[in-house]
Amino acid sequence: MVVKDKDKDSYEVLILLSGGVDSTSLVQYHLSKGEKVAAIFFDYGQASCEREYQSARAISEHYDIQLQRVKLGFSIKNQEGEFFCRNALFVLAACSFLDRSVSFISIGIHSETPYYDSTPAFVDDAQSILDGYFGGVIRIIAPFLNYSKEQLYEYALHEQVPVYLTYSCETGQNEPCGKCLSCIDRRMLDGKSSRED
């Protein structure tokens, strides 16, 4: 199922938008370069889906960009916080929603995570698969691949990314639990924000 929040416009970059700080920073990054962007949100049965989607909608409205919601129709295996093959599935599924024959898929992965699908090797491997299908006209870009989480948060604050619209809790509660890995990461951003104020 696909829900479109805006009329389809031509774009060159499709952002995998989760509603969190990392992917929201991607929107700011590409728009600051004058690129035409759209966003896609994937529902893969995650507990936080509806709350994440609320944030993704608010972010797309803030930046005035097109957002599509896509339900994968199955849940992705979660083992101790790692969703196996999630980013690979997102990249491959996003290919069906590209607006142009020459396009970019942008993903908000960064360093300092222990998961394969947040590494340079993953980007290279996924690009090889896309090259096999599309002959190099669809590219994966990961602008924050070499950023630490702290550097990404510094970027978000410096560029005035609307972090107040983002959501970073794995439980899906309106009030973040404060205990999951995403909430623990978010504390770093909140600490930085209060120091800058």
N, C-alpha and C. Protein backbone atom coordinates (compact mmCIF):
# COMPACT_ATOMS: atom_id res chain seq x y z
N MET A 1 0.84 -1.18 0.00
CA MET A 1 0.00 0.00 0.00
C MET A 1 0.88 1.24 0.00
N VAL A 2 0.57 2.22 -0.81
CA VAL A 2 1.32 3.46 -0.87
C VAL A 2 0.39 4.62 -0.58
N VAL A 3 0.78 5.47 0.35
CA VAL A 3 0.01 6.67 0.64
C VAL A 3 0.87 7.86 0.24
N LYS A 4 0.39 8.68 -0.68
CA LYS A 4 1.12 9.86 -1.11
C LYS A 4 0.54 11.07 -0.41
N ASP A 5 1.43 11.86 0.21
CA ASP A 5 0.98 13.04 0.94
C ASP A 5 0.97 14.29 0.07
N LYS A 6 1.63 14.25 -1.07
CA LYS A 6 1.66 15.42 -1.94
C LYS A 6 1.59 14.95 -3.38
N ASP A 7 1.19 15.85 -4.27
CA ASP A 7 1.22 15.53 -5.68
C ASP A 7 2.64 15.22 -6.09
N LYS A 8 2.77 14.34 -7.05
CA LYS A 8 4.11 13.92 -7.47
C LYS A 8 4.81 15.03 -8.24
N ASP A 9 5.99 15.39 -7.79
CA ASP A 9 6.84 16.34 -8.49
C ASP A 9 8.09 15.60 -8.93
N SER A 10 8.80 16.19 -9.87
CA SER A 10 10.05 15.58 -10.33
C SER A 10 11.13 15.77 -9.26
N TYR A 11 11.89 14.73 -8.98
CA TYR A 11 12.96 14.82 -8.00
C TYR A 11 14.13 13.97 -8.46
N GLU A 12 15.31 14.27 -7.90
CA GLU A 12 16.50 13.52 -8.26
C GLU A 12 17.04 12.68 -7.12
N VAL A 13 16.66 13.02 -5.89
CA VAL A 13 17.13 12.28 -4.72
C VAL A 13 15.92 11.77 -3.94
N LEU A 14 15.90 10.47 -3.67
CA LEU A 14 14.86 9.86 -2.85
C LEU A 14 15.48 9.52 -1.50
N ILE A 15 14.96 10.15 -0.45
CA ILE A 15 15.51 9.98 0.90
C ILE A 15 14.72 8.93 1.66
N LEU A 16 15.43 8.00 2.28
CA LEU A 16 14.80 7.03 3.16
C LEU A 16 14.56 7.73 4.49
N LEU A 17 13.33 8.16 4.73
CA LEU A 17 12.99 9.00 5.88
C LEU A 17 12.27 8.18 6.95
N SER A 18 12.90 8.08 8.11
CA SER A 18 12.32 7.30 9.21
C SER A 18 11.61 8.17 10.23
N GLY A 19 11.86 9.48 10.17
CA GLY A 19 11.32 10.37 11.19
C GLY A 19 12.31 10.68 12.28
N GLY A 20 13.50 10.09 12.19
CA GLY A 20 14.54 10.34 13.18
C GLY A 20 15.48 11.47 12.77
N VAL A 21 16.44 11.75 13.64
CA VAL A 21 17.37 12.86 13.42
C VAL A 21 18.26 12.61 12.20
N ASP A 22 18.75 11.37 12.04
CA ASP A 22 19.69 11.07 10.96
C ASP A 22 19.08 11.34 9.59
N SER A 23 17.90 10.77 9.35
CA SER A 23 17.29 10.94 8.03
C SER A 23 16.74 12.34 7.83
N THR A 24 16.33 13.01 8.91
CA THR A 24 15.89 14.39 8.79
C THR A 24 17.06 15.29 8.41
N SER A 25 18.23 14.98 8.95
CA SER A 25 19.43 15.73 8.58
C SER A 25 19.75 15.55 7.10
N LEU A 26 19.42 14.39 6.55
CA LEU A 26 19.61 14.16 5.11
C LEU A 26 18.78 15.14 4.29
N VAL A 27 17.55 15.36 4.70
CA VAL A 27 16.68 16.29 3.97
C VAL A 27 17.33 17.67 3.93
N GLN A 28 17.77 18.14 5.11
CA GLN A 28 18.44 19.44 5.19
C GLN A 28 19.69 19.46 4.30
N TYR A 29 20.46 18.40 4.34
CA TYR A 29 21.72 18.32 3.58
C TYR A 29 21.46 18.48 2.08
N HIS A 30 20.52 17.72 1.55
CA HIS A 30 20.28 17.76 0.11
C HIS A 30 19.62 19.06 -0.33
N LEU A 31 18.69 19.55 0.46
CA LEU A 31 18.05 20.82 0.10
C LEU A 31 19.06 21.97 0.14
N SER A 32 19.99 21.92 1.08
CA SER A 32 21.00 22.99 1.18
C SER A 32 21.90 23.01 -0.05
N LYS A 33 21.95 21.89 -0.77
CA LYS A 33 22.73 21.82 -2.00
C LYS A 33 21.90 22.14 -3.24
N GLY A 34 20.65 22.53 -3.02
CA GLY A 34 19.79 22.90 -4.13
C GLY A 34 19.24 21.72 -4.91
N GLU A 35 19.27 20.53 -4.30
CA GLU A 35 18.79 19.34 -4.99
C GLU A 35 17.29 19.16 -4.79
N LYS A 36 16.62 18.60 -5.78
CA LYS A 36 15.20 18.28 -5.67
C LYS A 36 15.08 16.93 -4.98
N VAL A 37 14.31 16.88 -3.90
CA VAL A 37 14.22 15.66 -3.11
C VAL A 37 12.77 15.25 -2.89
N ALA A 38 12.60 13.98 -2.63
CA ALA A 38 11.35 13.41 -2.14
C ALA A 38 11.74 12.40 -1.07
N ALA A 39 10.77 11.95 -0.30
CA ALA A 39 11.07 11.02 0.78
C ALA A 39 10.13 9.82 0.74
N ILE A 40 10.63 8.72 1.28
CA ILE A 40 9.82 7.51 1.37
C ILE A 40 9.94 6.96 2.79
N PHE A 41 8.80 6.54 3.34
CA PHE A 41 8.75 5.97 4.69
C PHE A 41 8.28 4.54 4.58
N PHE A 42 9.02 3.62 5.18
CA PHE A 42 8.66 2.20 5.11
C PHE A 42 8.06 1.72 6.42
N ASP A 43 6.89 1.09 6.30
CA ASP A 43 6.21 0.42 7.40
C ASP A 43 6.56 -1.06 7.30
N TYR A 44 7.39 -1.54 8.24
CA TYR A 44 7.81 -2.93 8.22
C TYR A 44 7.37 -3.66 9.49
N GLY A 45 6.30 -3.16 10.08
CA GLY A 45 5.75 -3.80 11.27
C GLY A 45 6.44 -3.41 12.56
N GLN A 46 7.25 -2.34 12.52
CA GLN A 46 7.97 -1.91 13.72
C GLN A 46 7.00 -1.35 14.76
N ALA A 47 7.30 -1.56 16.02
CA ALA A 47 6.42 -1.10 17.11
C ALA A 47 6.21 0.40 17.07
N SER A 48 7.21 1.12 16.59
CA SER A 48 7.16 2.59 16.60
C SER A 48 6.63 3.17 15.28
N CYS A 49 6.04 2.34 14.43
CA CYS A 49 5.67 2.77 13.08
C CYS A 49 4.80 4.02 13.05
N GLU A 50 3.68 4.03 13.75
CA GLU A 50 2.76 5.14 13.65
C GLU A 50 3.37 6.43 14.18
N ARG A 51 4.12 6.32 15.27
CA ARG A 51 4.75 7.52 15.84
C ARG A 51 5.86 8.03 14.92
N GLU A 52 6.62 7.12 14.32
CA GLU A 52 7.65 7.51 13.36
C GLU A 52 7.02 8.18 12.14
N TYR A 53 5.91 7.63 11.67
CA TYR A 53 5.27 8.21 10.49
C TYR A 53 4.73 9.61 10.78
N GLN A 54 4.20 9.81 11.98
CA GLN A 54 3.75 11.17 12.36
C GLN A 54 4.90 12.16 12.23
N SER A 55 6.08 11.75 12.69
CA SER A 55 7.24 12.62 12.59
C SER A 55 7.66 12.81 11.14
N ALA A 56 7.66 11.74 10.36
CA ALA A 56 8.05 11.85 8.96
C ALA A 56 7.12 12.80 8.21
N ARG A 57 5.84 12.74 8.51
CA ARG A 57 4.89 13.66 7.88
C ARG A 57 5.16 15.10 8.28
N ALA A 58 5.39 15.31 9.57
CA ALA A 58 5.66 16.67 10.05
C ALA A 58 6.94 17.22 9.41
N ILE A 59 7.94 16.37 9.25
CA ILE A 59 9.20 16.79 8.64
C ILE A 59 9.00 17.12 7.17
N SER A 60 8.26 16.28 6.46
CA SER A 60 8.03 16.53 5.03
C SER A 60 7.21 17.81 4.84
N GLU A 61 6.29 18.08 5.74
CA GLU A 61 5.52 19.32 5.66
C GLU A 61 6.39 20.53 5.98
N HIS A 62 7.26 20.38 6.96
CA HIS A 62 8.17 21.47 7.33
C HIS A 62 9.04 21.88 6.13
N TYR A 63 9.56 20.87 5.43
CA TYR A 63 10.45 21.13 4.31
C TYR A 63 9.70 21.24 2.97
N ASP A 64 8.41 20.99 2.99
CA ASP A 64 7.58 21.05 1.78
C ASP A 64 8.09 20.10 0.70
N ILE A 65 8.25 18.84 1.09
CA ILE A 65 8.68 17.82 0.13
C ILE A 65 7.64 16.70 0.08
N GLN A 66 7.64 15.97 -1.01
CA GLN A 66 6.74 14.83 -1.20
C GLN A 66 7.14 13.67 -0.28
N LEU A 67 6.14 13.02 0.31
CA LEU A 67 6.38 11.84 1.16
C LEU A 67 5.47 10.72 0.71
N GLN A 68 6.03 9.54 0.57
CA GLN A 68 5.25 8.34 0.29
C GLN A 68 5.42 7.36 1.45
N ARG A 69 4.31 6.78 1.87
CA ARG A 69 4.36 5.72 2.89
C ARG A 69 4.13 4.40 2.18
N VAL A 70 5.02 3.45 2.44
CA VAL A 70 4.95 2.15 1.78
C VAL A 70 4.95 1.05 2.84
N LYS A 71 3.94 0.20 2.79
CA LYS A 71 3.85 -0.93 3.71
C LYS A 71 4.49 -2.14 3.04
N LEU A 72 5.53 -2.68 3.68
CA LEU A 72 6.23 -3.82 3.09
C LEU A 72 5.37 -5.09 3.10
N GLY A 73 4.47 -5.21 4.06
CA GLY A 73 3.59 -6.38 4.09
C GLY A 73 4.13 -7.54 4.90
N PHE A 74 5.29 -7.33 5.53
CA PHE A 74 5.85 -8.35 6.42
C PHE A 74 6.75 -7.64 7.43
N SER A 75 7.04 -8.34 8.52
CA SER A 75 7.90 -7.78 9.55
C SER A 75 9.34 -8.20 9.31
N ILE A 76 10.25 -7.33 9.71
CA ILE A 76 11.68 -7.63 9.58
C ILE A 76 12.17 -8.17 10.92
N LYS A 77 12.95 -9.24 10.86
CA LYS A 77 13.44 -9.88 12.07
C LYS A 77 14.28 -8.91 12.90
N ASN A 78 13.97 -8.85 14.19
CA ASN A 78 14.69 -8.00 15.13
C ASN A 78 15.40 -8.90 16.14
N GLN A 79 16.72 -8.79 16.16
CA GLN A 79 17.48 -9.57 17.13
C GLN A 79 18.34 -8.62 17.95
N GLU A 80 17.92 -8.37 19.18
CA GLU A 80 18.63 -7.50 20.11
C GLU A 80 18.89 -6.13 19.51
N GLY A 81 17.88 -5.56 18.85
CA GLY A 81 17.99 -4.22 18.31
C GLY A 81 18.48 -4.14 16.88
N GLU A 82 18.92 -5.24 16.32
CA GLU A 82 19.37 -5.25 14.92
C GLU A 82 18.28 -5.84 14.04
N PHE A 83 17.85 -5.07 13.05
CA PHE A 83 16.86 -5.54 12.09
C PHE A 83 17.61 -6.05 10.86
N PHE A 84 17.69 -7.37 10.76
CA PHE A 84 18.50 -7.96 9.70
C PHE A 84 17.99 -7.61 8.32
N CYS A 85 18.90 -7.16 7.48
CA CYS A 85 18.65 -6.84 6.06
C CYS A 85 17.76 -5.62 5.85
N ARG A 86 17.46 -4.87 6.90
CA ARG A 86 16.52 -3.76 6.79
C ARG A 86 16.96 -2.74 5.74
N ASN A 87 18.18 -2.23 5.85
CA ASN A 87 18.61 -1.20 4.92
C ASN A 87 18.71 -1.73 3.49
N ALA A 88 19.09 -2.98 3.34
CA ALA A 88 19.15 -3.58 2.00
C ALA A 88 17.74 -3.65 1.40
N LEU A 89 16.78 -4.08 2.19
CA LEU A 89 15.39 -4.14 1.72
C LEU A 89 14.89 -2.76 1.34
N PHE A 90 15.20 -1.78 2.16
CA PHE A 90 14.74 -0.41 1.88
C PHE A 90 15.32 0.10 0.57
N VAL A 91 16.61 -0.11 0.38
CA VAL A 91 17.26 0.38 -0.85
C VAL A 91 16.65 -0.28 -2.07
N LEU A 92 16.49 -1.59 -2.02
CA LEU A 92 15.94 -2.31 -3.18
C LEU A 92 14.49 -1.92 -3.44
N ALA A 93 13.70 -1.81 -2.37
CA ALA A 93 12.30 -1.42 -2.54
C ALA A 93 12.18 0.00 -3.07
N ALA A 94 13.07 0.88 -2.64
CA ALA A 94 13.02 2.29 -3.08
C ALA A 94 13.18 2.42 -4.58
N CYS A 95 13.86 1.47 -5.20
CA CYS A 95 14.07 1.54 -6.65
C CYS A 95 12.74 1.56 -7.42
N SER A 96 11.71 1.00 -6.84
CA SER A 96 10.40 0.98 -7.51
C SER A 96 9.68 2.32 -7.43
N PHE A 97 10.22 3.27 -6.68
CA PHE A 97 9.55 4.54 -6.48
C PHE A 97 10.36 5.73 -6.98
N LEU A 98 11.38 5.44 -7.77
CA LEU A 98 12.21 6.52 -8.30
C LEU A 98 11.49 7.21 -9.44
N ASP A 99 11.66 8.51 -9.50
CA ASP A 99 10.92 9.34 -10.45
C ASP A 99 11.62 9.45 -11.80
N ARG A 100 12.92 9.24 -11.83
CA ARG A 100 13.70 9.45 -13.05
C ARG A 100 14.58 8.24 -13.30
N SER A 101 15.03 8.10 -14.52
CA SER A 101 15.90 6.98 -14.85
C SER A 101 17.27 7.15 -14.21
N VAL A 102 17.72 8.40 -14.02
CA VAL A 102 18.97 8.67 -13.32
C VAL A 102 18.62 9.27 -11.98
N SER A 103 18.83 8.53 -10.91
CA SER A 103 18.38 8.97 -9.59
C SER A 103 19.35 8.54 -8.52
N PHE A 104 19.14 9.11 -7.34
CA PHE A 104 19.94 8.79 -6.17
C PHE A 104 19.02 8.36 -5.03
N ILE A 105 19.46 7.36 -4.28
CA ILE A 105 18.78 6.94 -3.06
C ILE A 105 19.69 7.34 -1.91
N SER A 106 19.19 8.16 -1.01
CA SER A 106 20.01 8.66 0.08
C SER A 106 19.61 8.01 1.40
N ILE A 107 20.62 7.54 2.12
CA ILE A 107 20.39 6.80 3.36
C ILE A 107 21.22 7.42 4.49
N GLY A 108 20.62 7.53 5.66
CA GLY A 108 21.24 8.26 6.77
C GLY A 108 22.07 7.42 7.71
N ILE A 109 22.88 6.53 7.17
CA ILE A 109 23.72 5.71 8.04
C ILE A 109 24.98 6.48 8.42
N HIS A 110 25.58 6.10 9.55
CA HIS A 110 26.78 6.77 10.04
C HIS A 110 27.67 5.75 10.72
N SER A 111 28.88 6.18 11.06
CA SER A 111 29.83 5.26 11.69
C SER A 111 29.46 5.03 13.16
N GLU A 112 30.25 4.19 13.80
CA GLU A 112 30.09 3.87 15.23
C GLU A 112 28.87 3.01 15.53
N THR A 113 28.33 2.32 14.53
CA THR A 113 27.30 1.33 14.81
C THR A 113 27.87 -0.03 14.44
N PRO A 114 27.49 -1.08 15.16
CA PRO A 114 28.10 -2.39 14.94
C PRO A 114 27.47 -3.19 13.79
N TYR A 115 26.52 -2.59 13.07
CA TYR A 115 25.75 -3.35 12.10
C TYR A 115 26.35 -3.24 10.70
N TYR A 116 26.38 -4.37 10.00
CA TYR A 116 26.92 -4.41 8.64
C TYR A 116 26.27 -3.39 7.72
N ASP A 117 24.94 -3.23 7.84
CA ASP A 117 24.26 -2.34 6.89
C ASP A 117 24.36 -0.86 7.26
N SER A 118 25.37 -0.55 8.09
CA SER A 118 25.73 0.84 8.34
C SER A 118 27.22 1.07 8.06
N THR A 119 27.77 0.28 7.17
CA THR A 119 29.20 0.33 6.89
C THR A 119 29.47 0.70 5.43
N PRO A 120 30.69 1.18 5.15
CA PRO A 120 31.08 1.40 3.75
C PRO A 120 30.96 0.14 2.91
N ALA A 121 31.26 -1.02 3.50
CA ALA A 121 31.15 -2.28 2.75
C ALA A 121 29.72 -2.53 2.30
N PHE A 122 28.75 -2.22 3.16
CA PHE A 122 27.35 -2.38 2.77
C PHE A 122 27.00 -1.49 1.59
N VAL A 123 27.42 -0.23 1.65
CA VAL A 123 27.11 0.70 0.56
C VAL A 123 27.71 0.19 -0.74
N ASP A 124 28.96 -0.27 -0.68
CA ASP A 124 29.62 -0.80 -1.89
C ASP A 124 28.89 -2.04 -2.42
N ASP A 125 28.54 -2.95 -1.51
CA ASP A 125 27.87 -4.18 -1.92
C ASP A 125 26.49 -3.90 -2.51
N ALA A 126 25.73 -3.02 -1.85
CA ALA A 126 24.40 -2.68 -2.35
C ALA A 126 24.50 -1.98 -3.69
N GLN A 127 25.52 -1.12 -3.85
CA GLN A 127 25.70 -0.44 -5.13
C GLN A 127 26.01 -1.43 -6.24
N SER A 128 26.77 -2.45 -5.92
CA SER A 128 27.08 -3.48 -6.92
C SER A 128 25.81 -4.18 -7.41
N ILE A 129 24.89 -4.44 -6.49
CA ILE A 129 23.63 -5.07 -6.88
C ILE A 129 22.84 -4.12 -7.78
N LEU A 130 22.75 -2.85 -7.40
CA LEU A 130 22.03 -1.88 -8.23
C LEU A 130 22.68 -1.73 -9.60
N ASP A 131 24.00 -1.75 -9.63
CA ASP A 131 24.70 -1.65 -10.93
C ASP A 131 24.35 -2.82 -11.82
N GLY A 132 24.20 -4.00 -11.22
CA GLY A 132 23.81 -5.17 -12.00
C GLY A 132 22.45 -5.02 -12.64
N TYR A 133 21.54 -4.38 -11.92
CA TYR A 133 20.19 -4.17 -12.45
C TYR A 133 20.08 -2.96 -13.36
N PHE A 134 20.75 -1.87 -12.98
CA PHE A 134 20.49 -0.58 -13.63
C PHE A 134 21.70 0.01 -14.36
N GLY A 135 22.82 -0.68 -14.35
CA GLY A 135 23.97 -0.22 -15.11
C GLY A 135 24.56 1.10 -14.66
N GLY A 136 24.43 1.42 -13.37
CA GLY A 136 25.08 2.61 -12.82
C GLY A 136 24.26 3.87 -12.81
N VAL A 137 23.01 3.83 -13.30
CA VAL A 137 22.23 5.07 -13.35
C VAL A 137 21.50 5.36 -12.04
N ILE A 138 21.43 4.38 -11.14
CA ILE A 138 20.87 4.60 -9.81
C ILE A 138 22.00 4.44 -8.81
N ARG A 139 22.21 5.46 -8.00
CA ARG A 139 23.33 5.47 -7.07
C ARG A 139 22.82 5.58 -5.63
N ILE A 140 23.51 4.91 -4.73
CA ILE A 140 23.25 5.06 -3.29
C ILE A 140 24.21 6.13 -2.77
N ILE A 141 23.67 7.07 -2.02
CA ILE A 141 24.53 8.06 -1.38
C ILE A 141 24.27 8.05 0.12
N ALA A 142 25.35 8.18 0.88
CA ALA A 142 25.29 8.17 2.34
C ALA A 142 26.18 9.30 2.85
N PRO A 143 25.68 10.54 2.82
CA PRO A 143 26.51 11.70 3.15
C PRO A 143 27.16 11.67 4.52
N PHE A 144 26.54 10.94 5.47
CA PHE A 144 27.05 10.94 6.84
C PHE A 144 27.77 9.64 7.20
N LEU A 145 28.15 8.89 6.19
CA LEU A 145 28.73 7.56 6.41
C LEU A 145 29.95 7.60 7.33
N ASN A 146 30.76 8.64 7.21
CA ASN A 146 31.98 8.72 8.01
C ASN A 146 31.82 9.60 9.24
N TYR A 147 30.60 10.07 9.51
CA TYR A 147 30.34 10.86 10.71
C TYR A 147 30.11 9.94 11.90
N SER A 148 30.59 10.37 13.05
CA SER A 148 30.16 9.72 14.29
C SER A 148 28.76 10.24 14.62
N LYS A 149 28.10 9.58 15.56
CA LYS A 149 26.78 10.06 15.99
C LYS A 149 26.89 11.48 16.54
N GLU A 150 27.95 11.74 17.28
CA GLU A 150 28.13 13.08 17.84
C GLU A 150 28.31 14.12 16.74
N GLN A 151 29.09 13.79 15.71
CA GLN A 151 29.28 14.73 14.60
C GLN A 151 27.97 14.97 13.85
N LEU A 152 27.17 13.91 13.71
CA LEU A 152 25.89 14.08 13.03
C LEU A 152 24.97 15.00 13.83
N TYR A 153 24.96 14.84 15.14
CA TYR A 153 24.16 15.71 15.98
C TYR A 153 24.65 17.16 15.91
N GLU A 154 25.97 17.33 15.87
CA GLU A 154 26.52 18.68 15.73
C GLU A 154 26.07 19.31 14.41
N TYR A 155 26.07 18.50 13.35
CA TYR A 155 25.59 18.98 12.06
C TYR A 155 24.13 19.42 12.17
N ALA A 156 23.31 18.58 12.77
CA ALA A 156 21.88 18.87 12.90
C ALA A 156 21.65 20.19 13.64
N LEU A 157 22.38 20.39 14.72
CA LEU A 157 22.21 21.61 15.50
C LEU A 157 22.74 22.83 14.73
N HIS A 158 23.89 22.67 14.10
CA HIS A 158 24.49 23.79 13.35
C HIS A 158 23.61 24.22 12.19
N GLU A 159 22.99 23.24 11.52
CA GLU A 159 22.16 23.53 10.34
C GLU A 159 20.70 23.80 10.70
N GLN A 160 20.41 23.84 11.99
CA GLN A 160 19.07 24.13 12.49
C GLN A 160 18.03 23.15 11.93
N VAL A 161 18.41 21.88 11.91
CA VAL A 161 17.47 20.82 11.56
C VAL A 161 16.36 20.81 12.63
N PRO A 162 15.10 20.68 12.24
CA PRO A 162 14.01 20.73 13.23
C PRO A 162 13.92 19.43 14.04
N VAL A 163 14.88 19.28 14.96
CA VAL A 163 14.94 18.04 15.73
C VAL A 163 13.71 17.86 16.62
N TYR A 164 13.03 18.95 16.94
CA TYR A 164 11.82 18.86 17.76
C TYR A 164 10.70 18.10 17.05
N LEU A 165 10.80 17.97 15.73
CA LEU A 165 9.80 17.22 14.98
C LEU A 165 10.14 15.73 14.88
N THR A 166 11.36 15.37 15.23
CA THR A 166 11.82 13.99 15.04
C THR A 166 11.38 13.10 16.20
N TYR A 167 11.46 11.80 15.96
CA TYR A 167 11.09 10.81 16.98
C TYR A 167 12.16 9.74 17.02
N SER A 168 12.61 9.41 18.22
CA SER A 168 13.69 8.43 18.37
C SER A 168 13.45 7.51 19.56
N CYS A 169 12.43 6.68 19.47
CA CYS A 169 12.17 5.68 20.52
C CYS A 169 11.64 4.42 19.84
N GLU A 170 12.16 3.28 20.25
CA GLU A 170 11.78 2.03 19.60
C GLU A 170 10.44 1.47 20.08
N THR A 171 9.87 2.06 21.14
CA THR A 171 8.63 1.52 21.70
C THR A 171 7.38 2.04 21.01
N GLY A 172 7.48 3.24 20.41
CA GLY A 172 6.32 3.84 19.77
C GLY A 172 5.43 4.61 20.71
N GLN A 173 5.83 4.75 21.96
CA GLN A 173 5.03 5.53 22.90
C GLN A 173 5.13 7.02 22.57
N ASN A 174 4.10 7.77 22.93
CA ASN A 174 4.16 9.22 22.73
C ASN A 174 5.31 9.83 23.52
N GLU A 175 5.44 9.42 24.76
CA GLU A 175 6.57 9.85 25.58
C GLU A 175 7.67 8.81 25.46
N PRO A 176 8.84 9.18 24.94
CA PRO A 176 9.93 8.21 24.77
C PRO A 176 10.24 7.48 26.07
N CYS A 177 10.62 6.21 25.95
CA CYS A 177 10.83 5.37 27.13
C CYS A 177 12.08 5.76 27.91
N GLY A 178 13.08 6.33 27.21
CA GLY A 178 14.32 6.73 27.87
C GLY A 178 15.29 5.60 28.11
N LYS A 179 14.92 4.36 27.70
CA LYS A 179 15.75 3.19 28.00
C LYS A 179 16.29 2.48 26.77
N CYS A 180 15.57 2.57 25.64
CA CYS A 180 16.03 1.84 24.45
C CYS A 180 17.28 2.51 23.88
N LEU A 181 17.95 1.83 22.95
CA LEU A 181 19.19 2.35 22.39
C LEU A 181 18.97 3.70 21.70
N SER A 182 17.84 3.85 21.02
CA SER A 182 17.56 5.12 20.34
C SER A 182 17.39 6.26 21.34
N CYS A 183 16.73 5.99 22.44
CA CYS A 183 16.55 7.02 23.47
C CYS A 183 17.89 7.38 24.11
N ILE A 184 18.73 6.39 24.33
CA ILE A 184 20.04 6.65 24.91
C ILE A 184 20.86 7.54 23.98
N ASP A 185 20.82 7.25 22.68
CA ASP A 185 21.50 8.10 21.70
C ASP A 185 20.94 9.51 21.73
N ARG A 186 19.63 9.61 21.81
CA ARG A 186 18.96 10.91 21.76
C ARG A 186 19.37 11.80 22.92
N ARG A 187 19.70 11.18 24.06
CA ARG A 187 20.13 11.96 25.21
C ARG A 187 21.36 12.80 24.90
N MET A 188 22.24 12.26 24.04
CA MET A 188 23.44 13.00 23.64
C MET A 188 23.04 14.29 22.93
N LEU A 189 22.07 14.18 22.01
CA LEU A 189 21.62 15.36 21.27
C LEU A 189 20.97 16.37 22.22
N ASP A 190 20.13 15.89 23.11
CA ASP A 190 19.45 16.79 24.04
C ASP A 190 20.47 17.52 24.92
N GLY A 191 21.53 16.78 25.31
CA GLY A 191 22.58 17.40 26.10
C GLY A 191 23.32 18.47 25.34
N LYS A 192 23.63 18.20 24.08
CA LYS A 192 24.31 19.18 23.24
C LYS A 192 23.43 20.42 23.02
N SER A 193 22.16 20.17 22.78
CA SER A 193 21.23 21.26 22.53
C SER A 193 21.13 22.19 23.72
N SER A 194 21.05 21.62 24.92
CA SER A 194 20.92 22.44 26.12
C SER A 194 22.20 23.21 26.40
N ARG A 195 23.37 22.63 26.06
CA ARG A 195 24.63 23.35 26.25
C ARG A 195 24.73 24.54 25.30
N GLU A 196 24.21 24.36 24.08
CA GLU A 196 24.28 25.46 23.10
C GLU A 196 23.30 26.58 23.44
N ASP A 197 22.20 26.22 24.13
CA ASP A 197 21.24 27.24 24.54
C ASP A 197 21.86 28.07 25.66
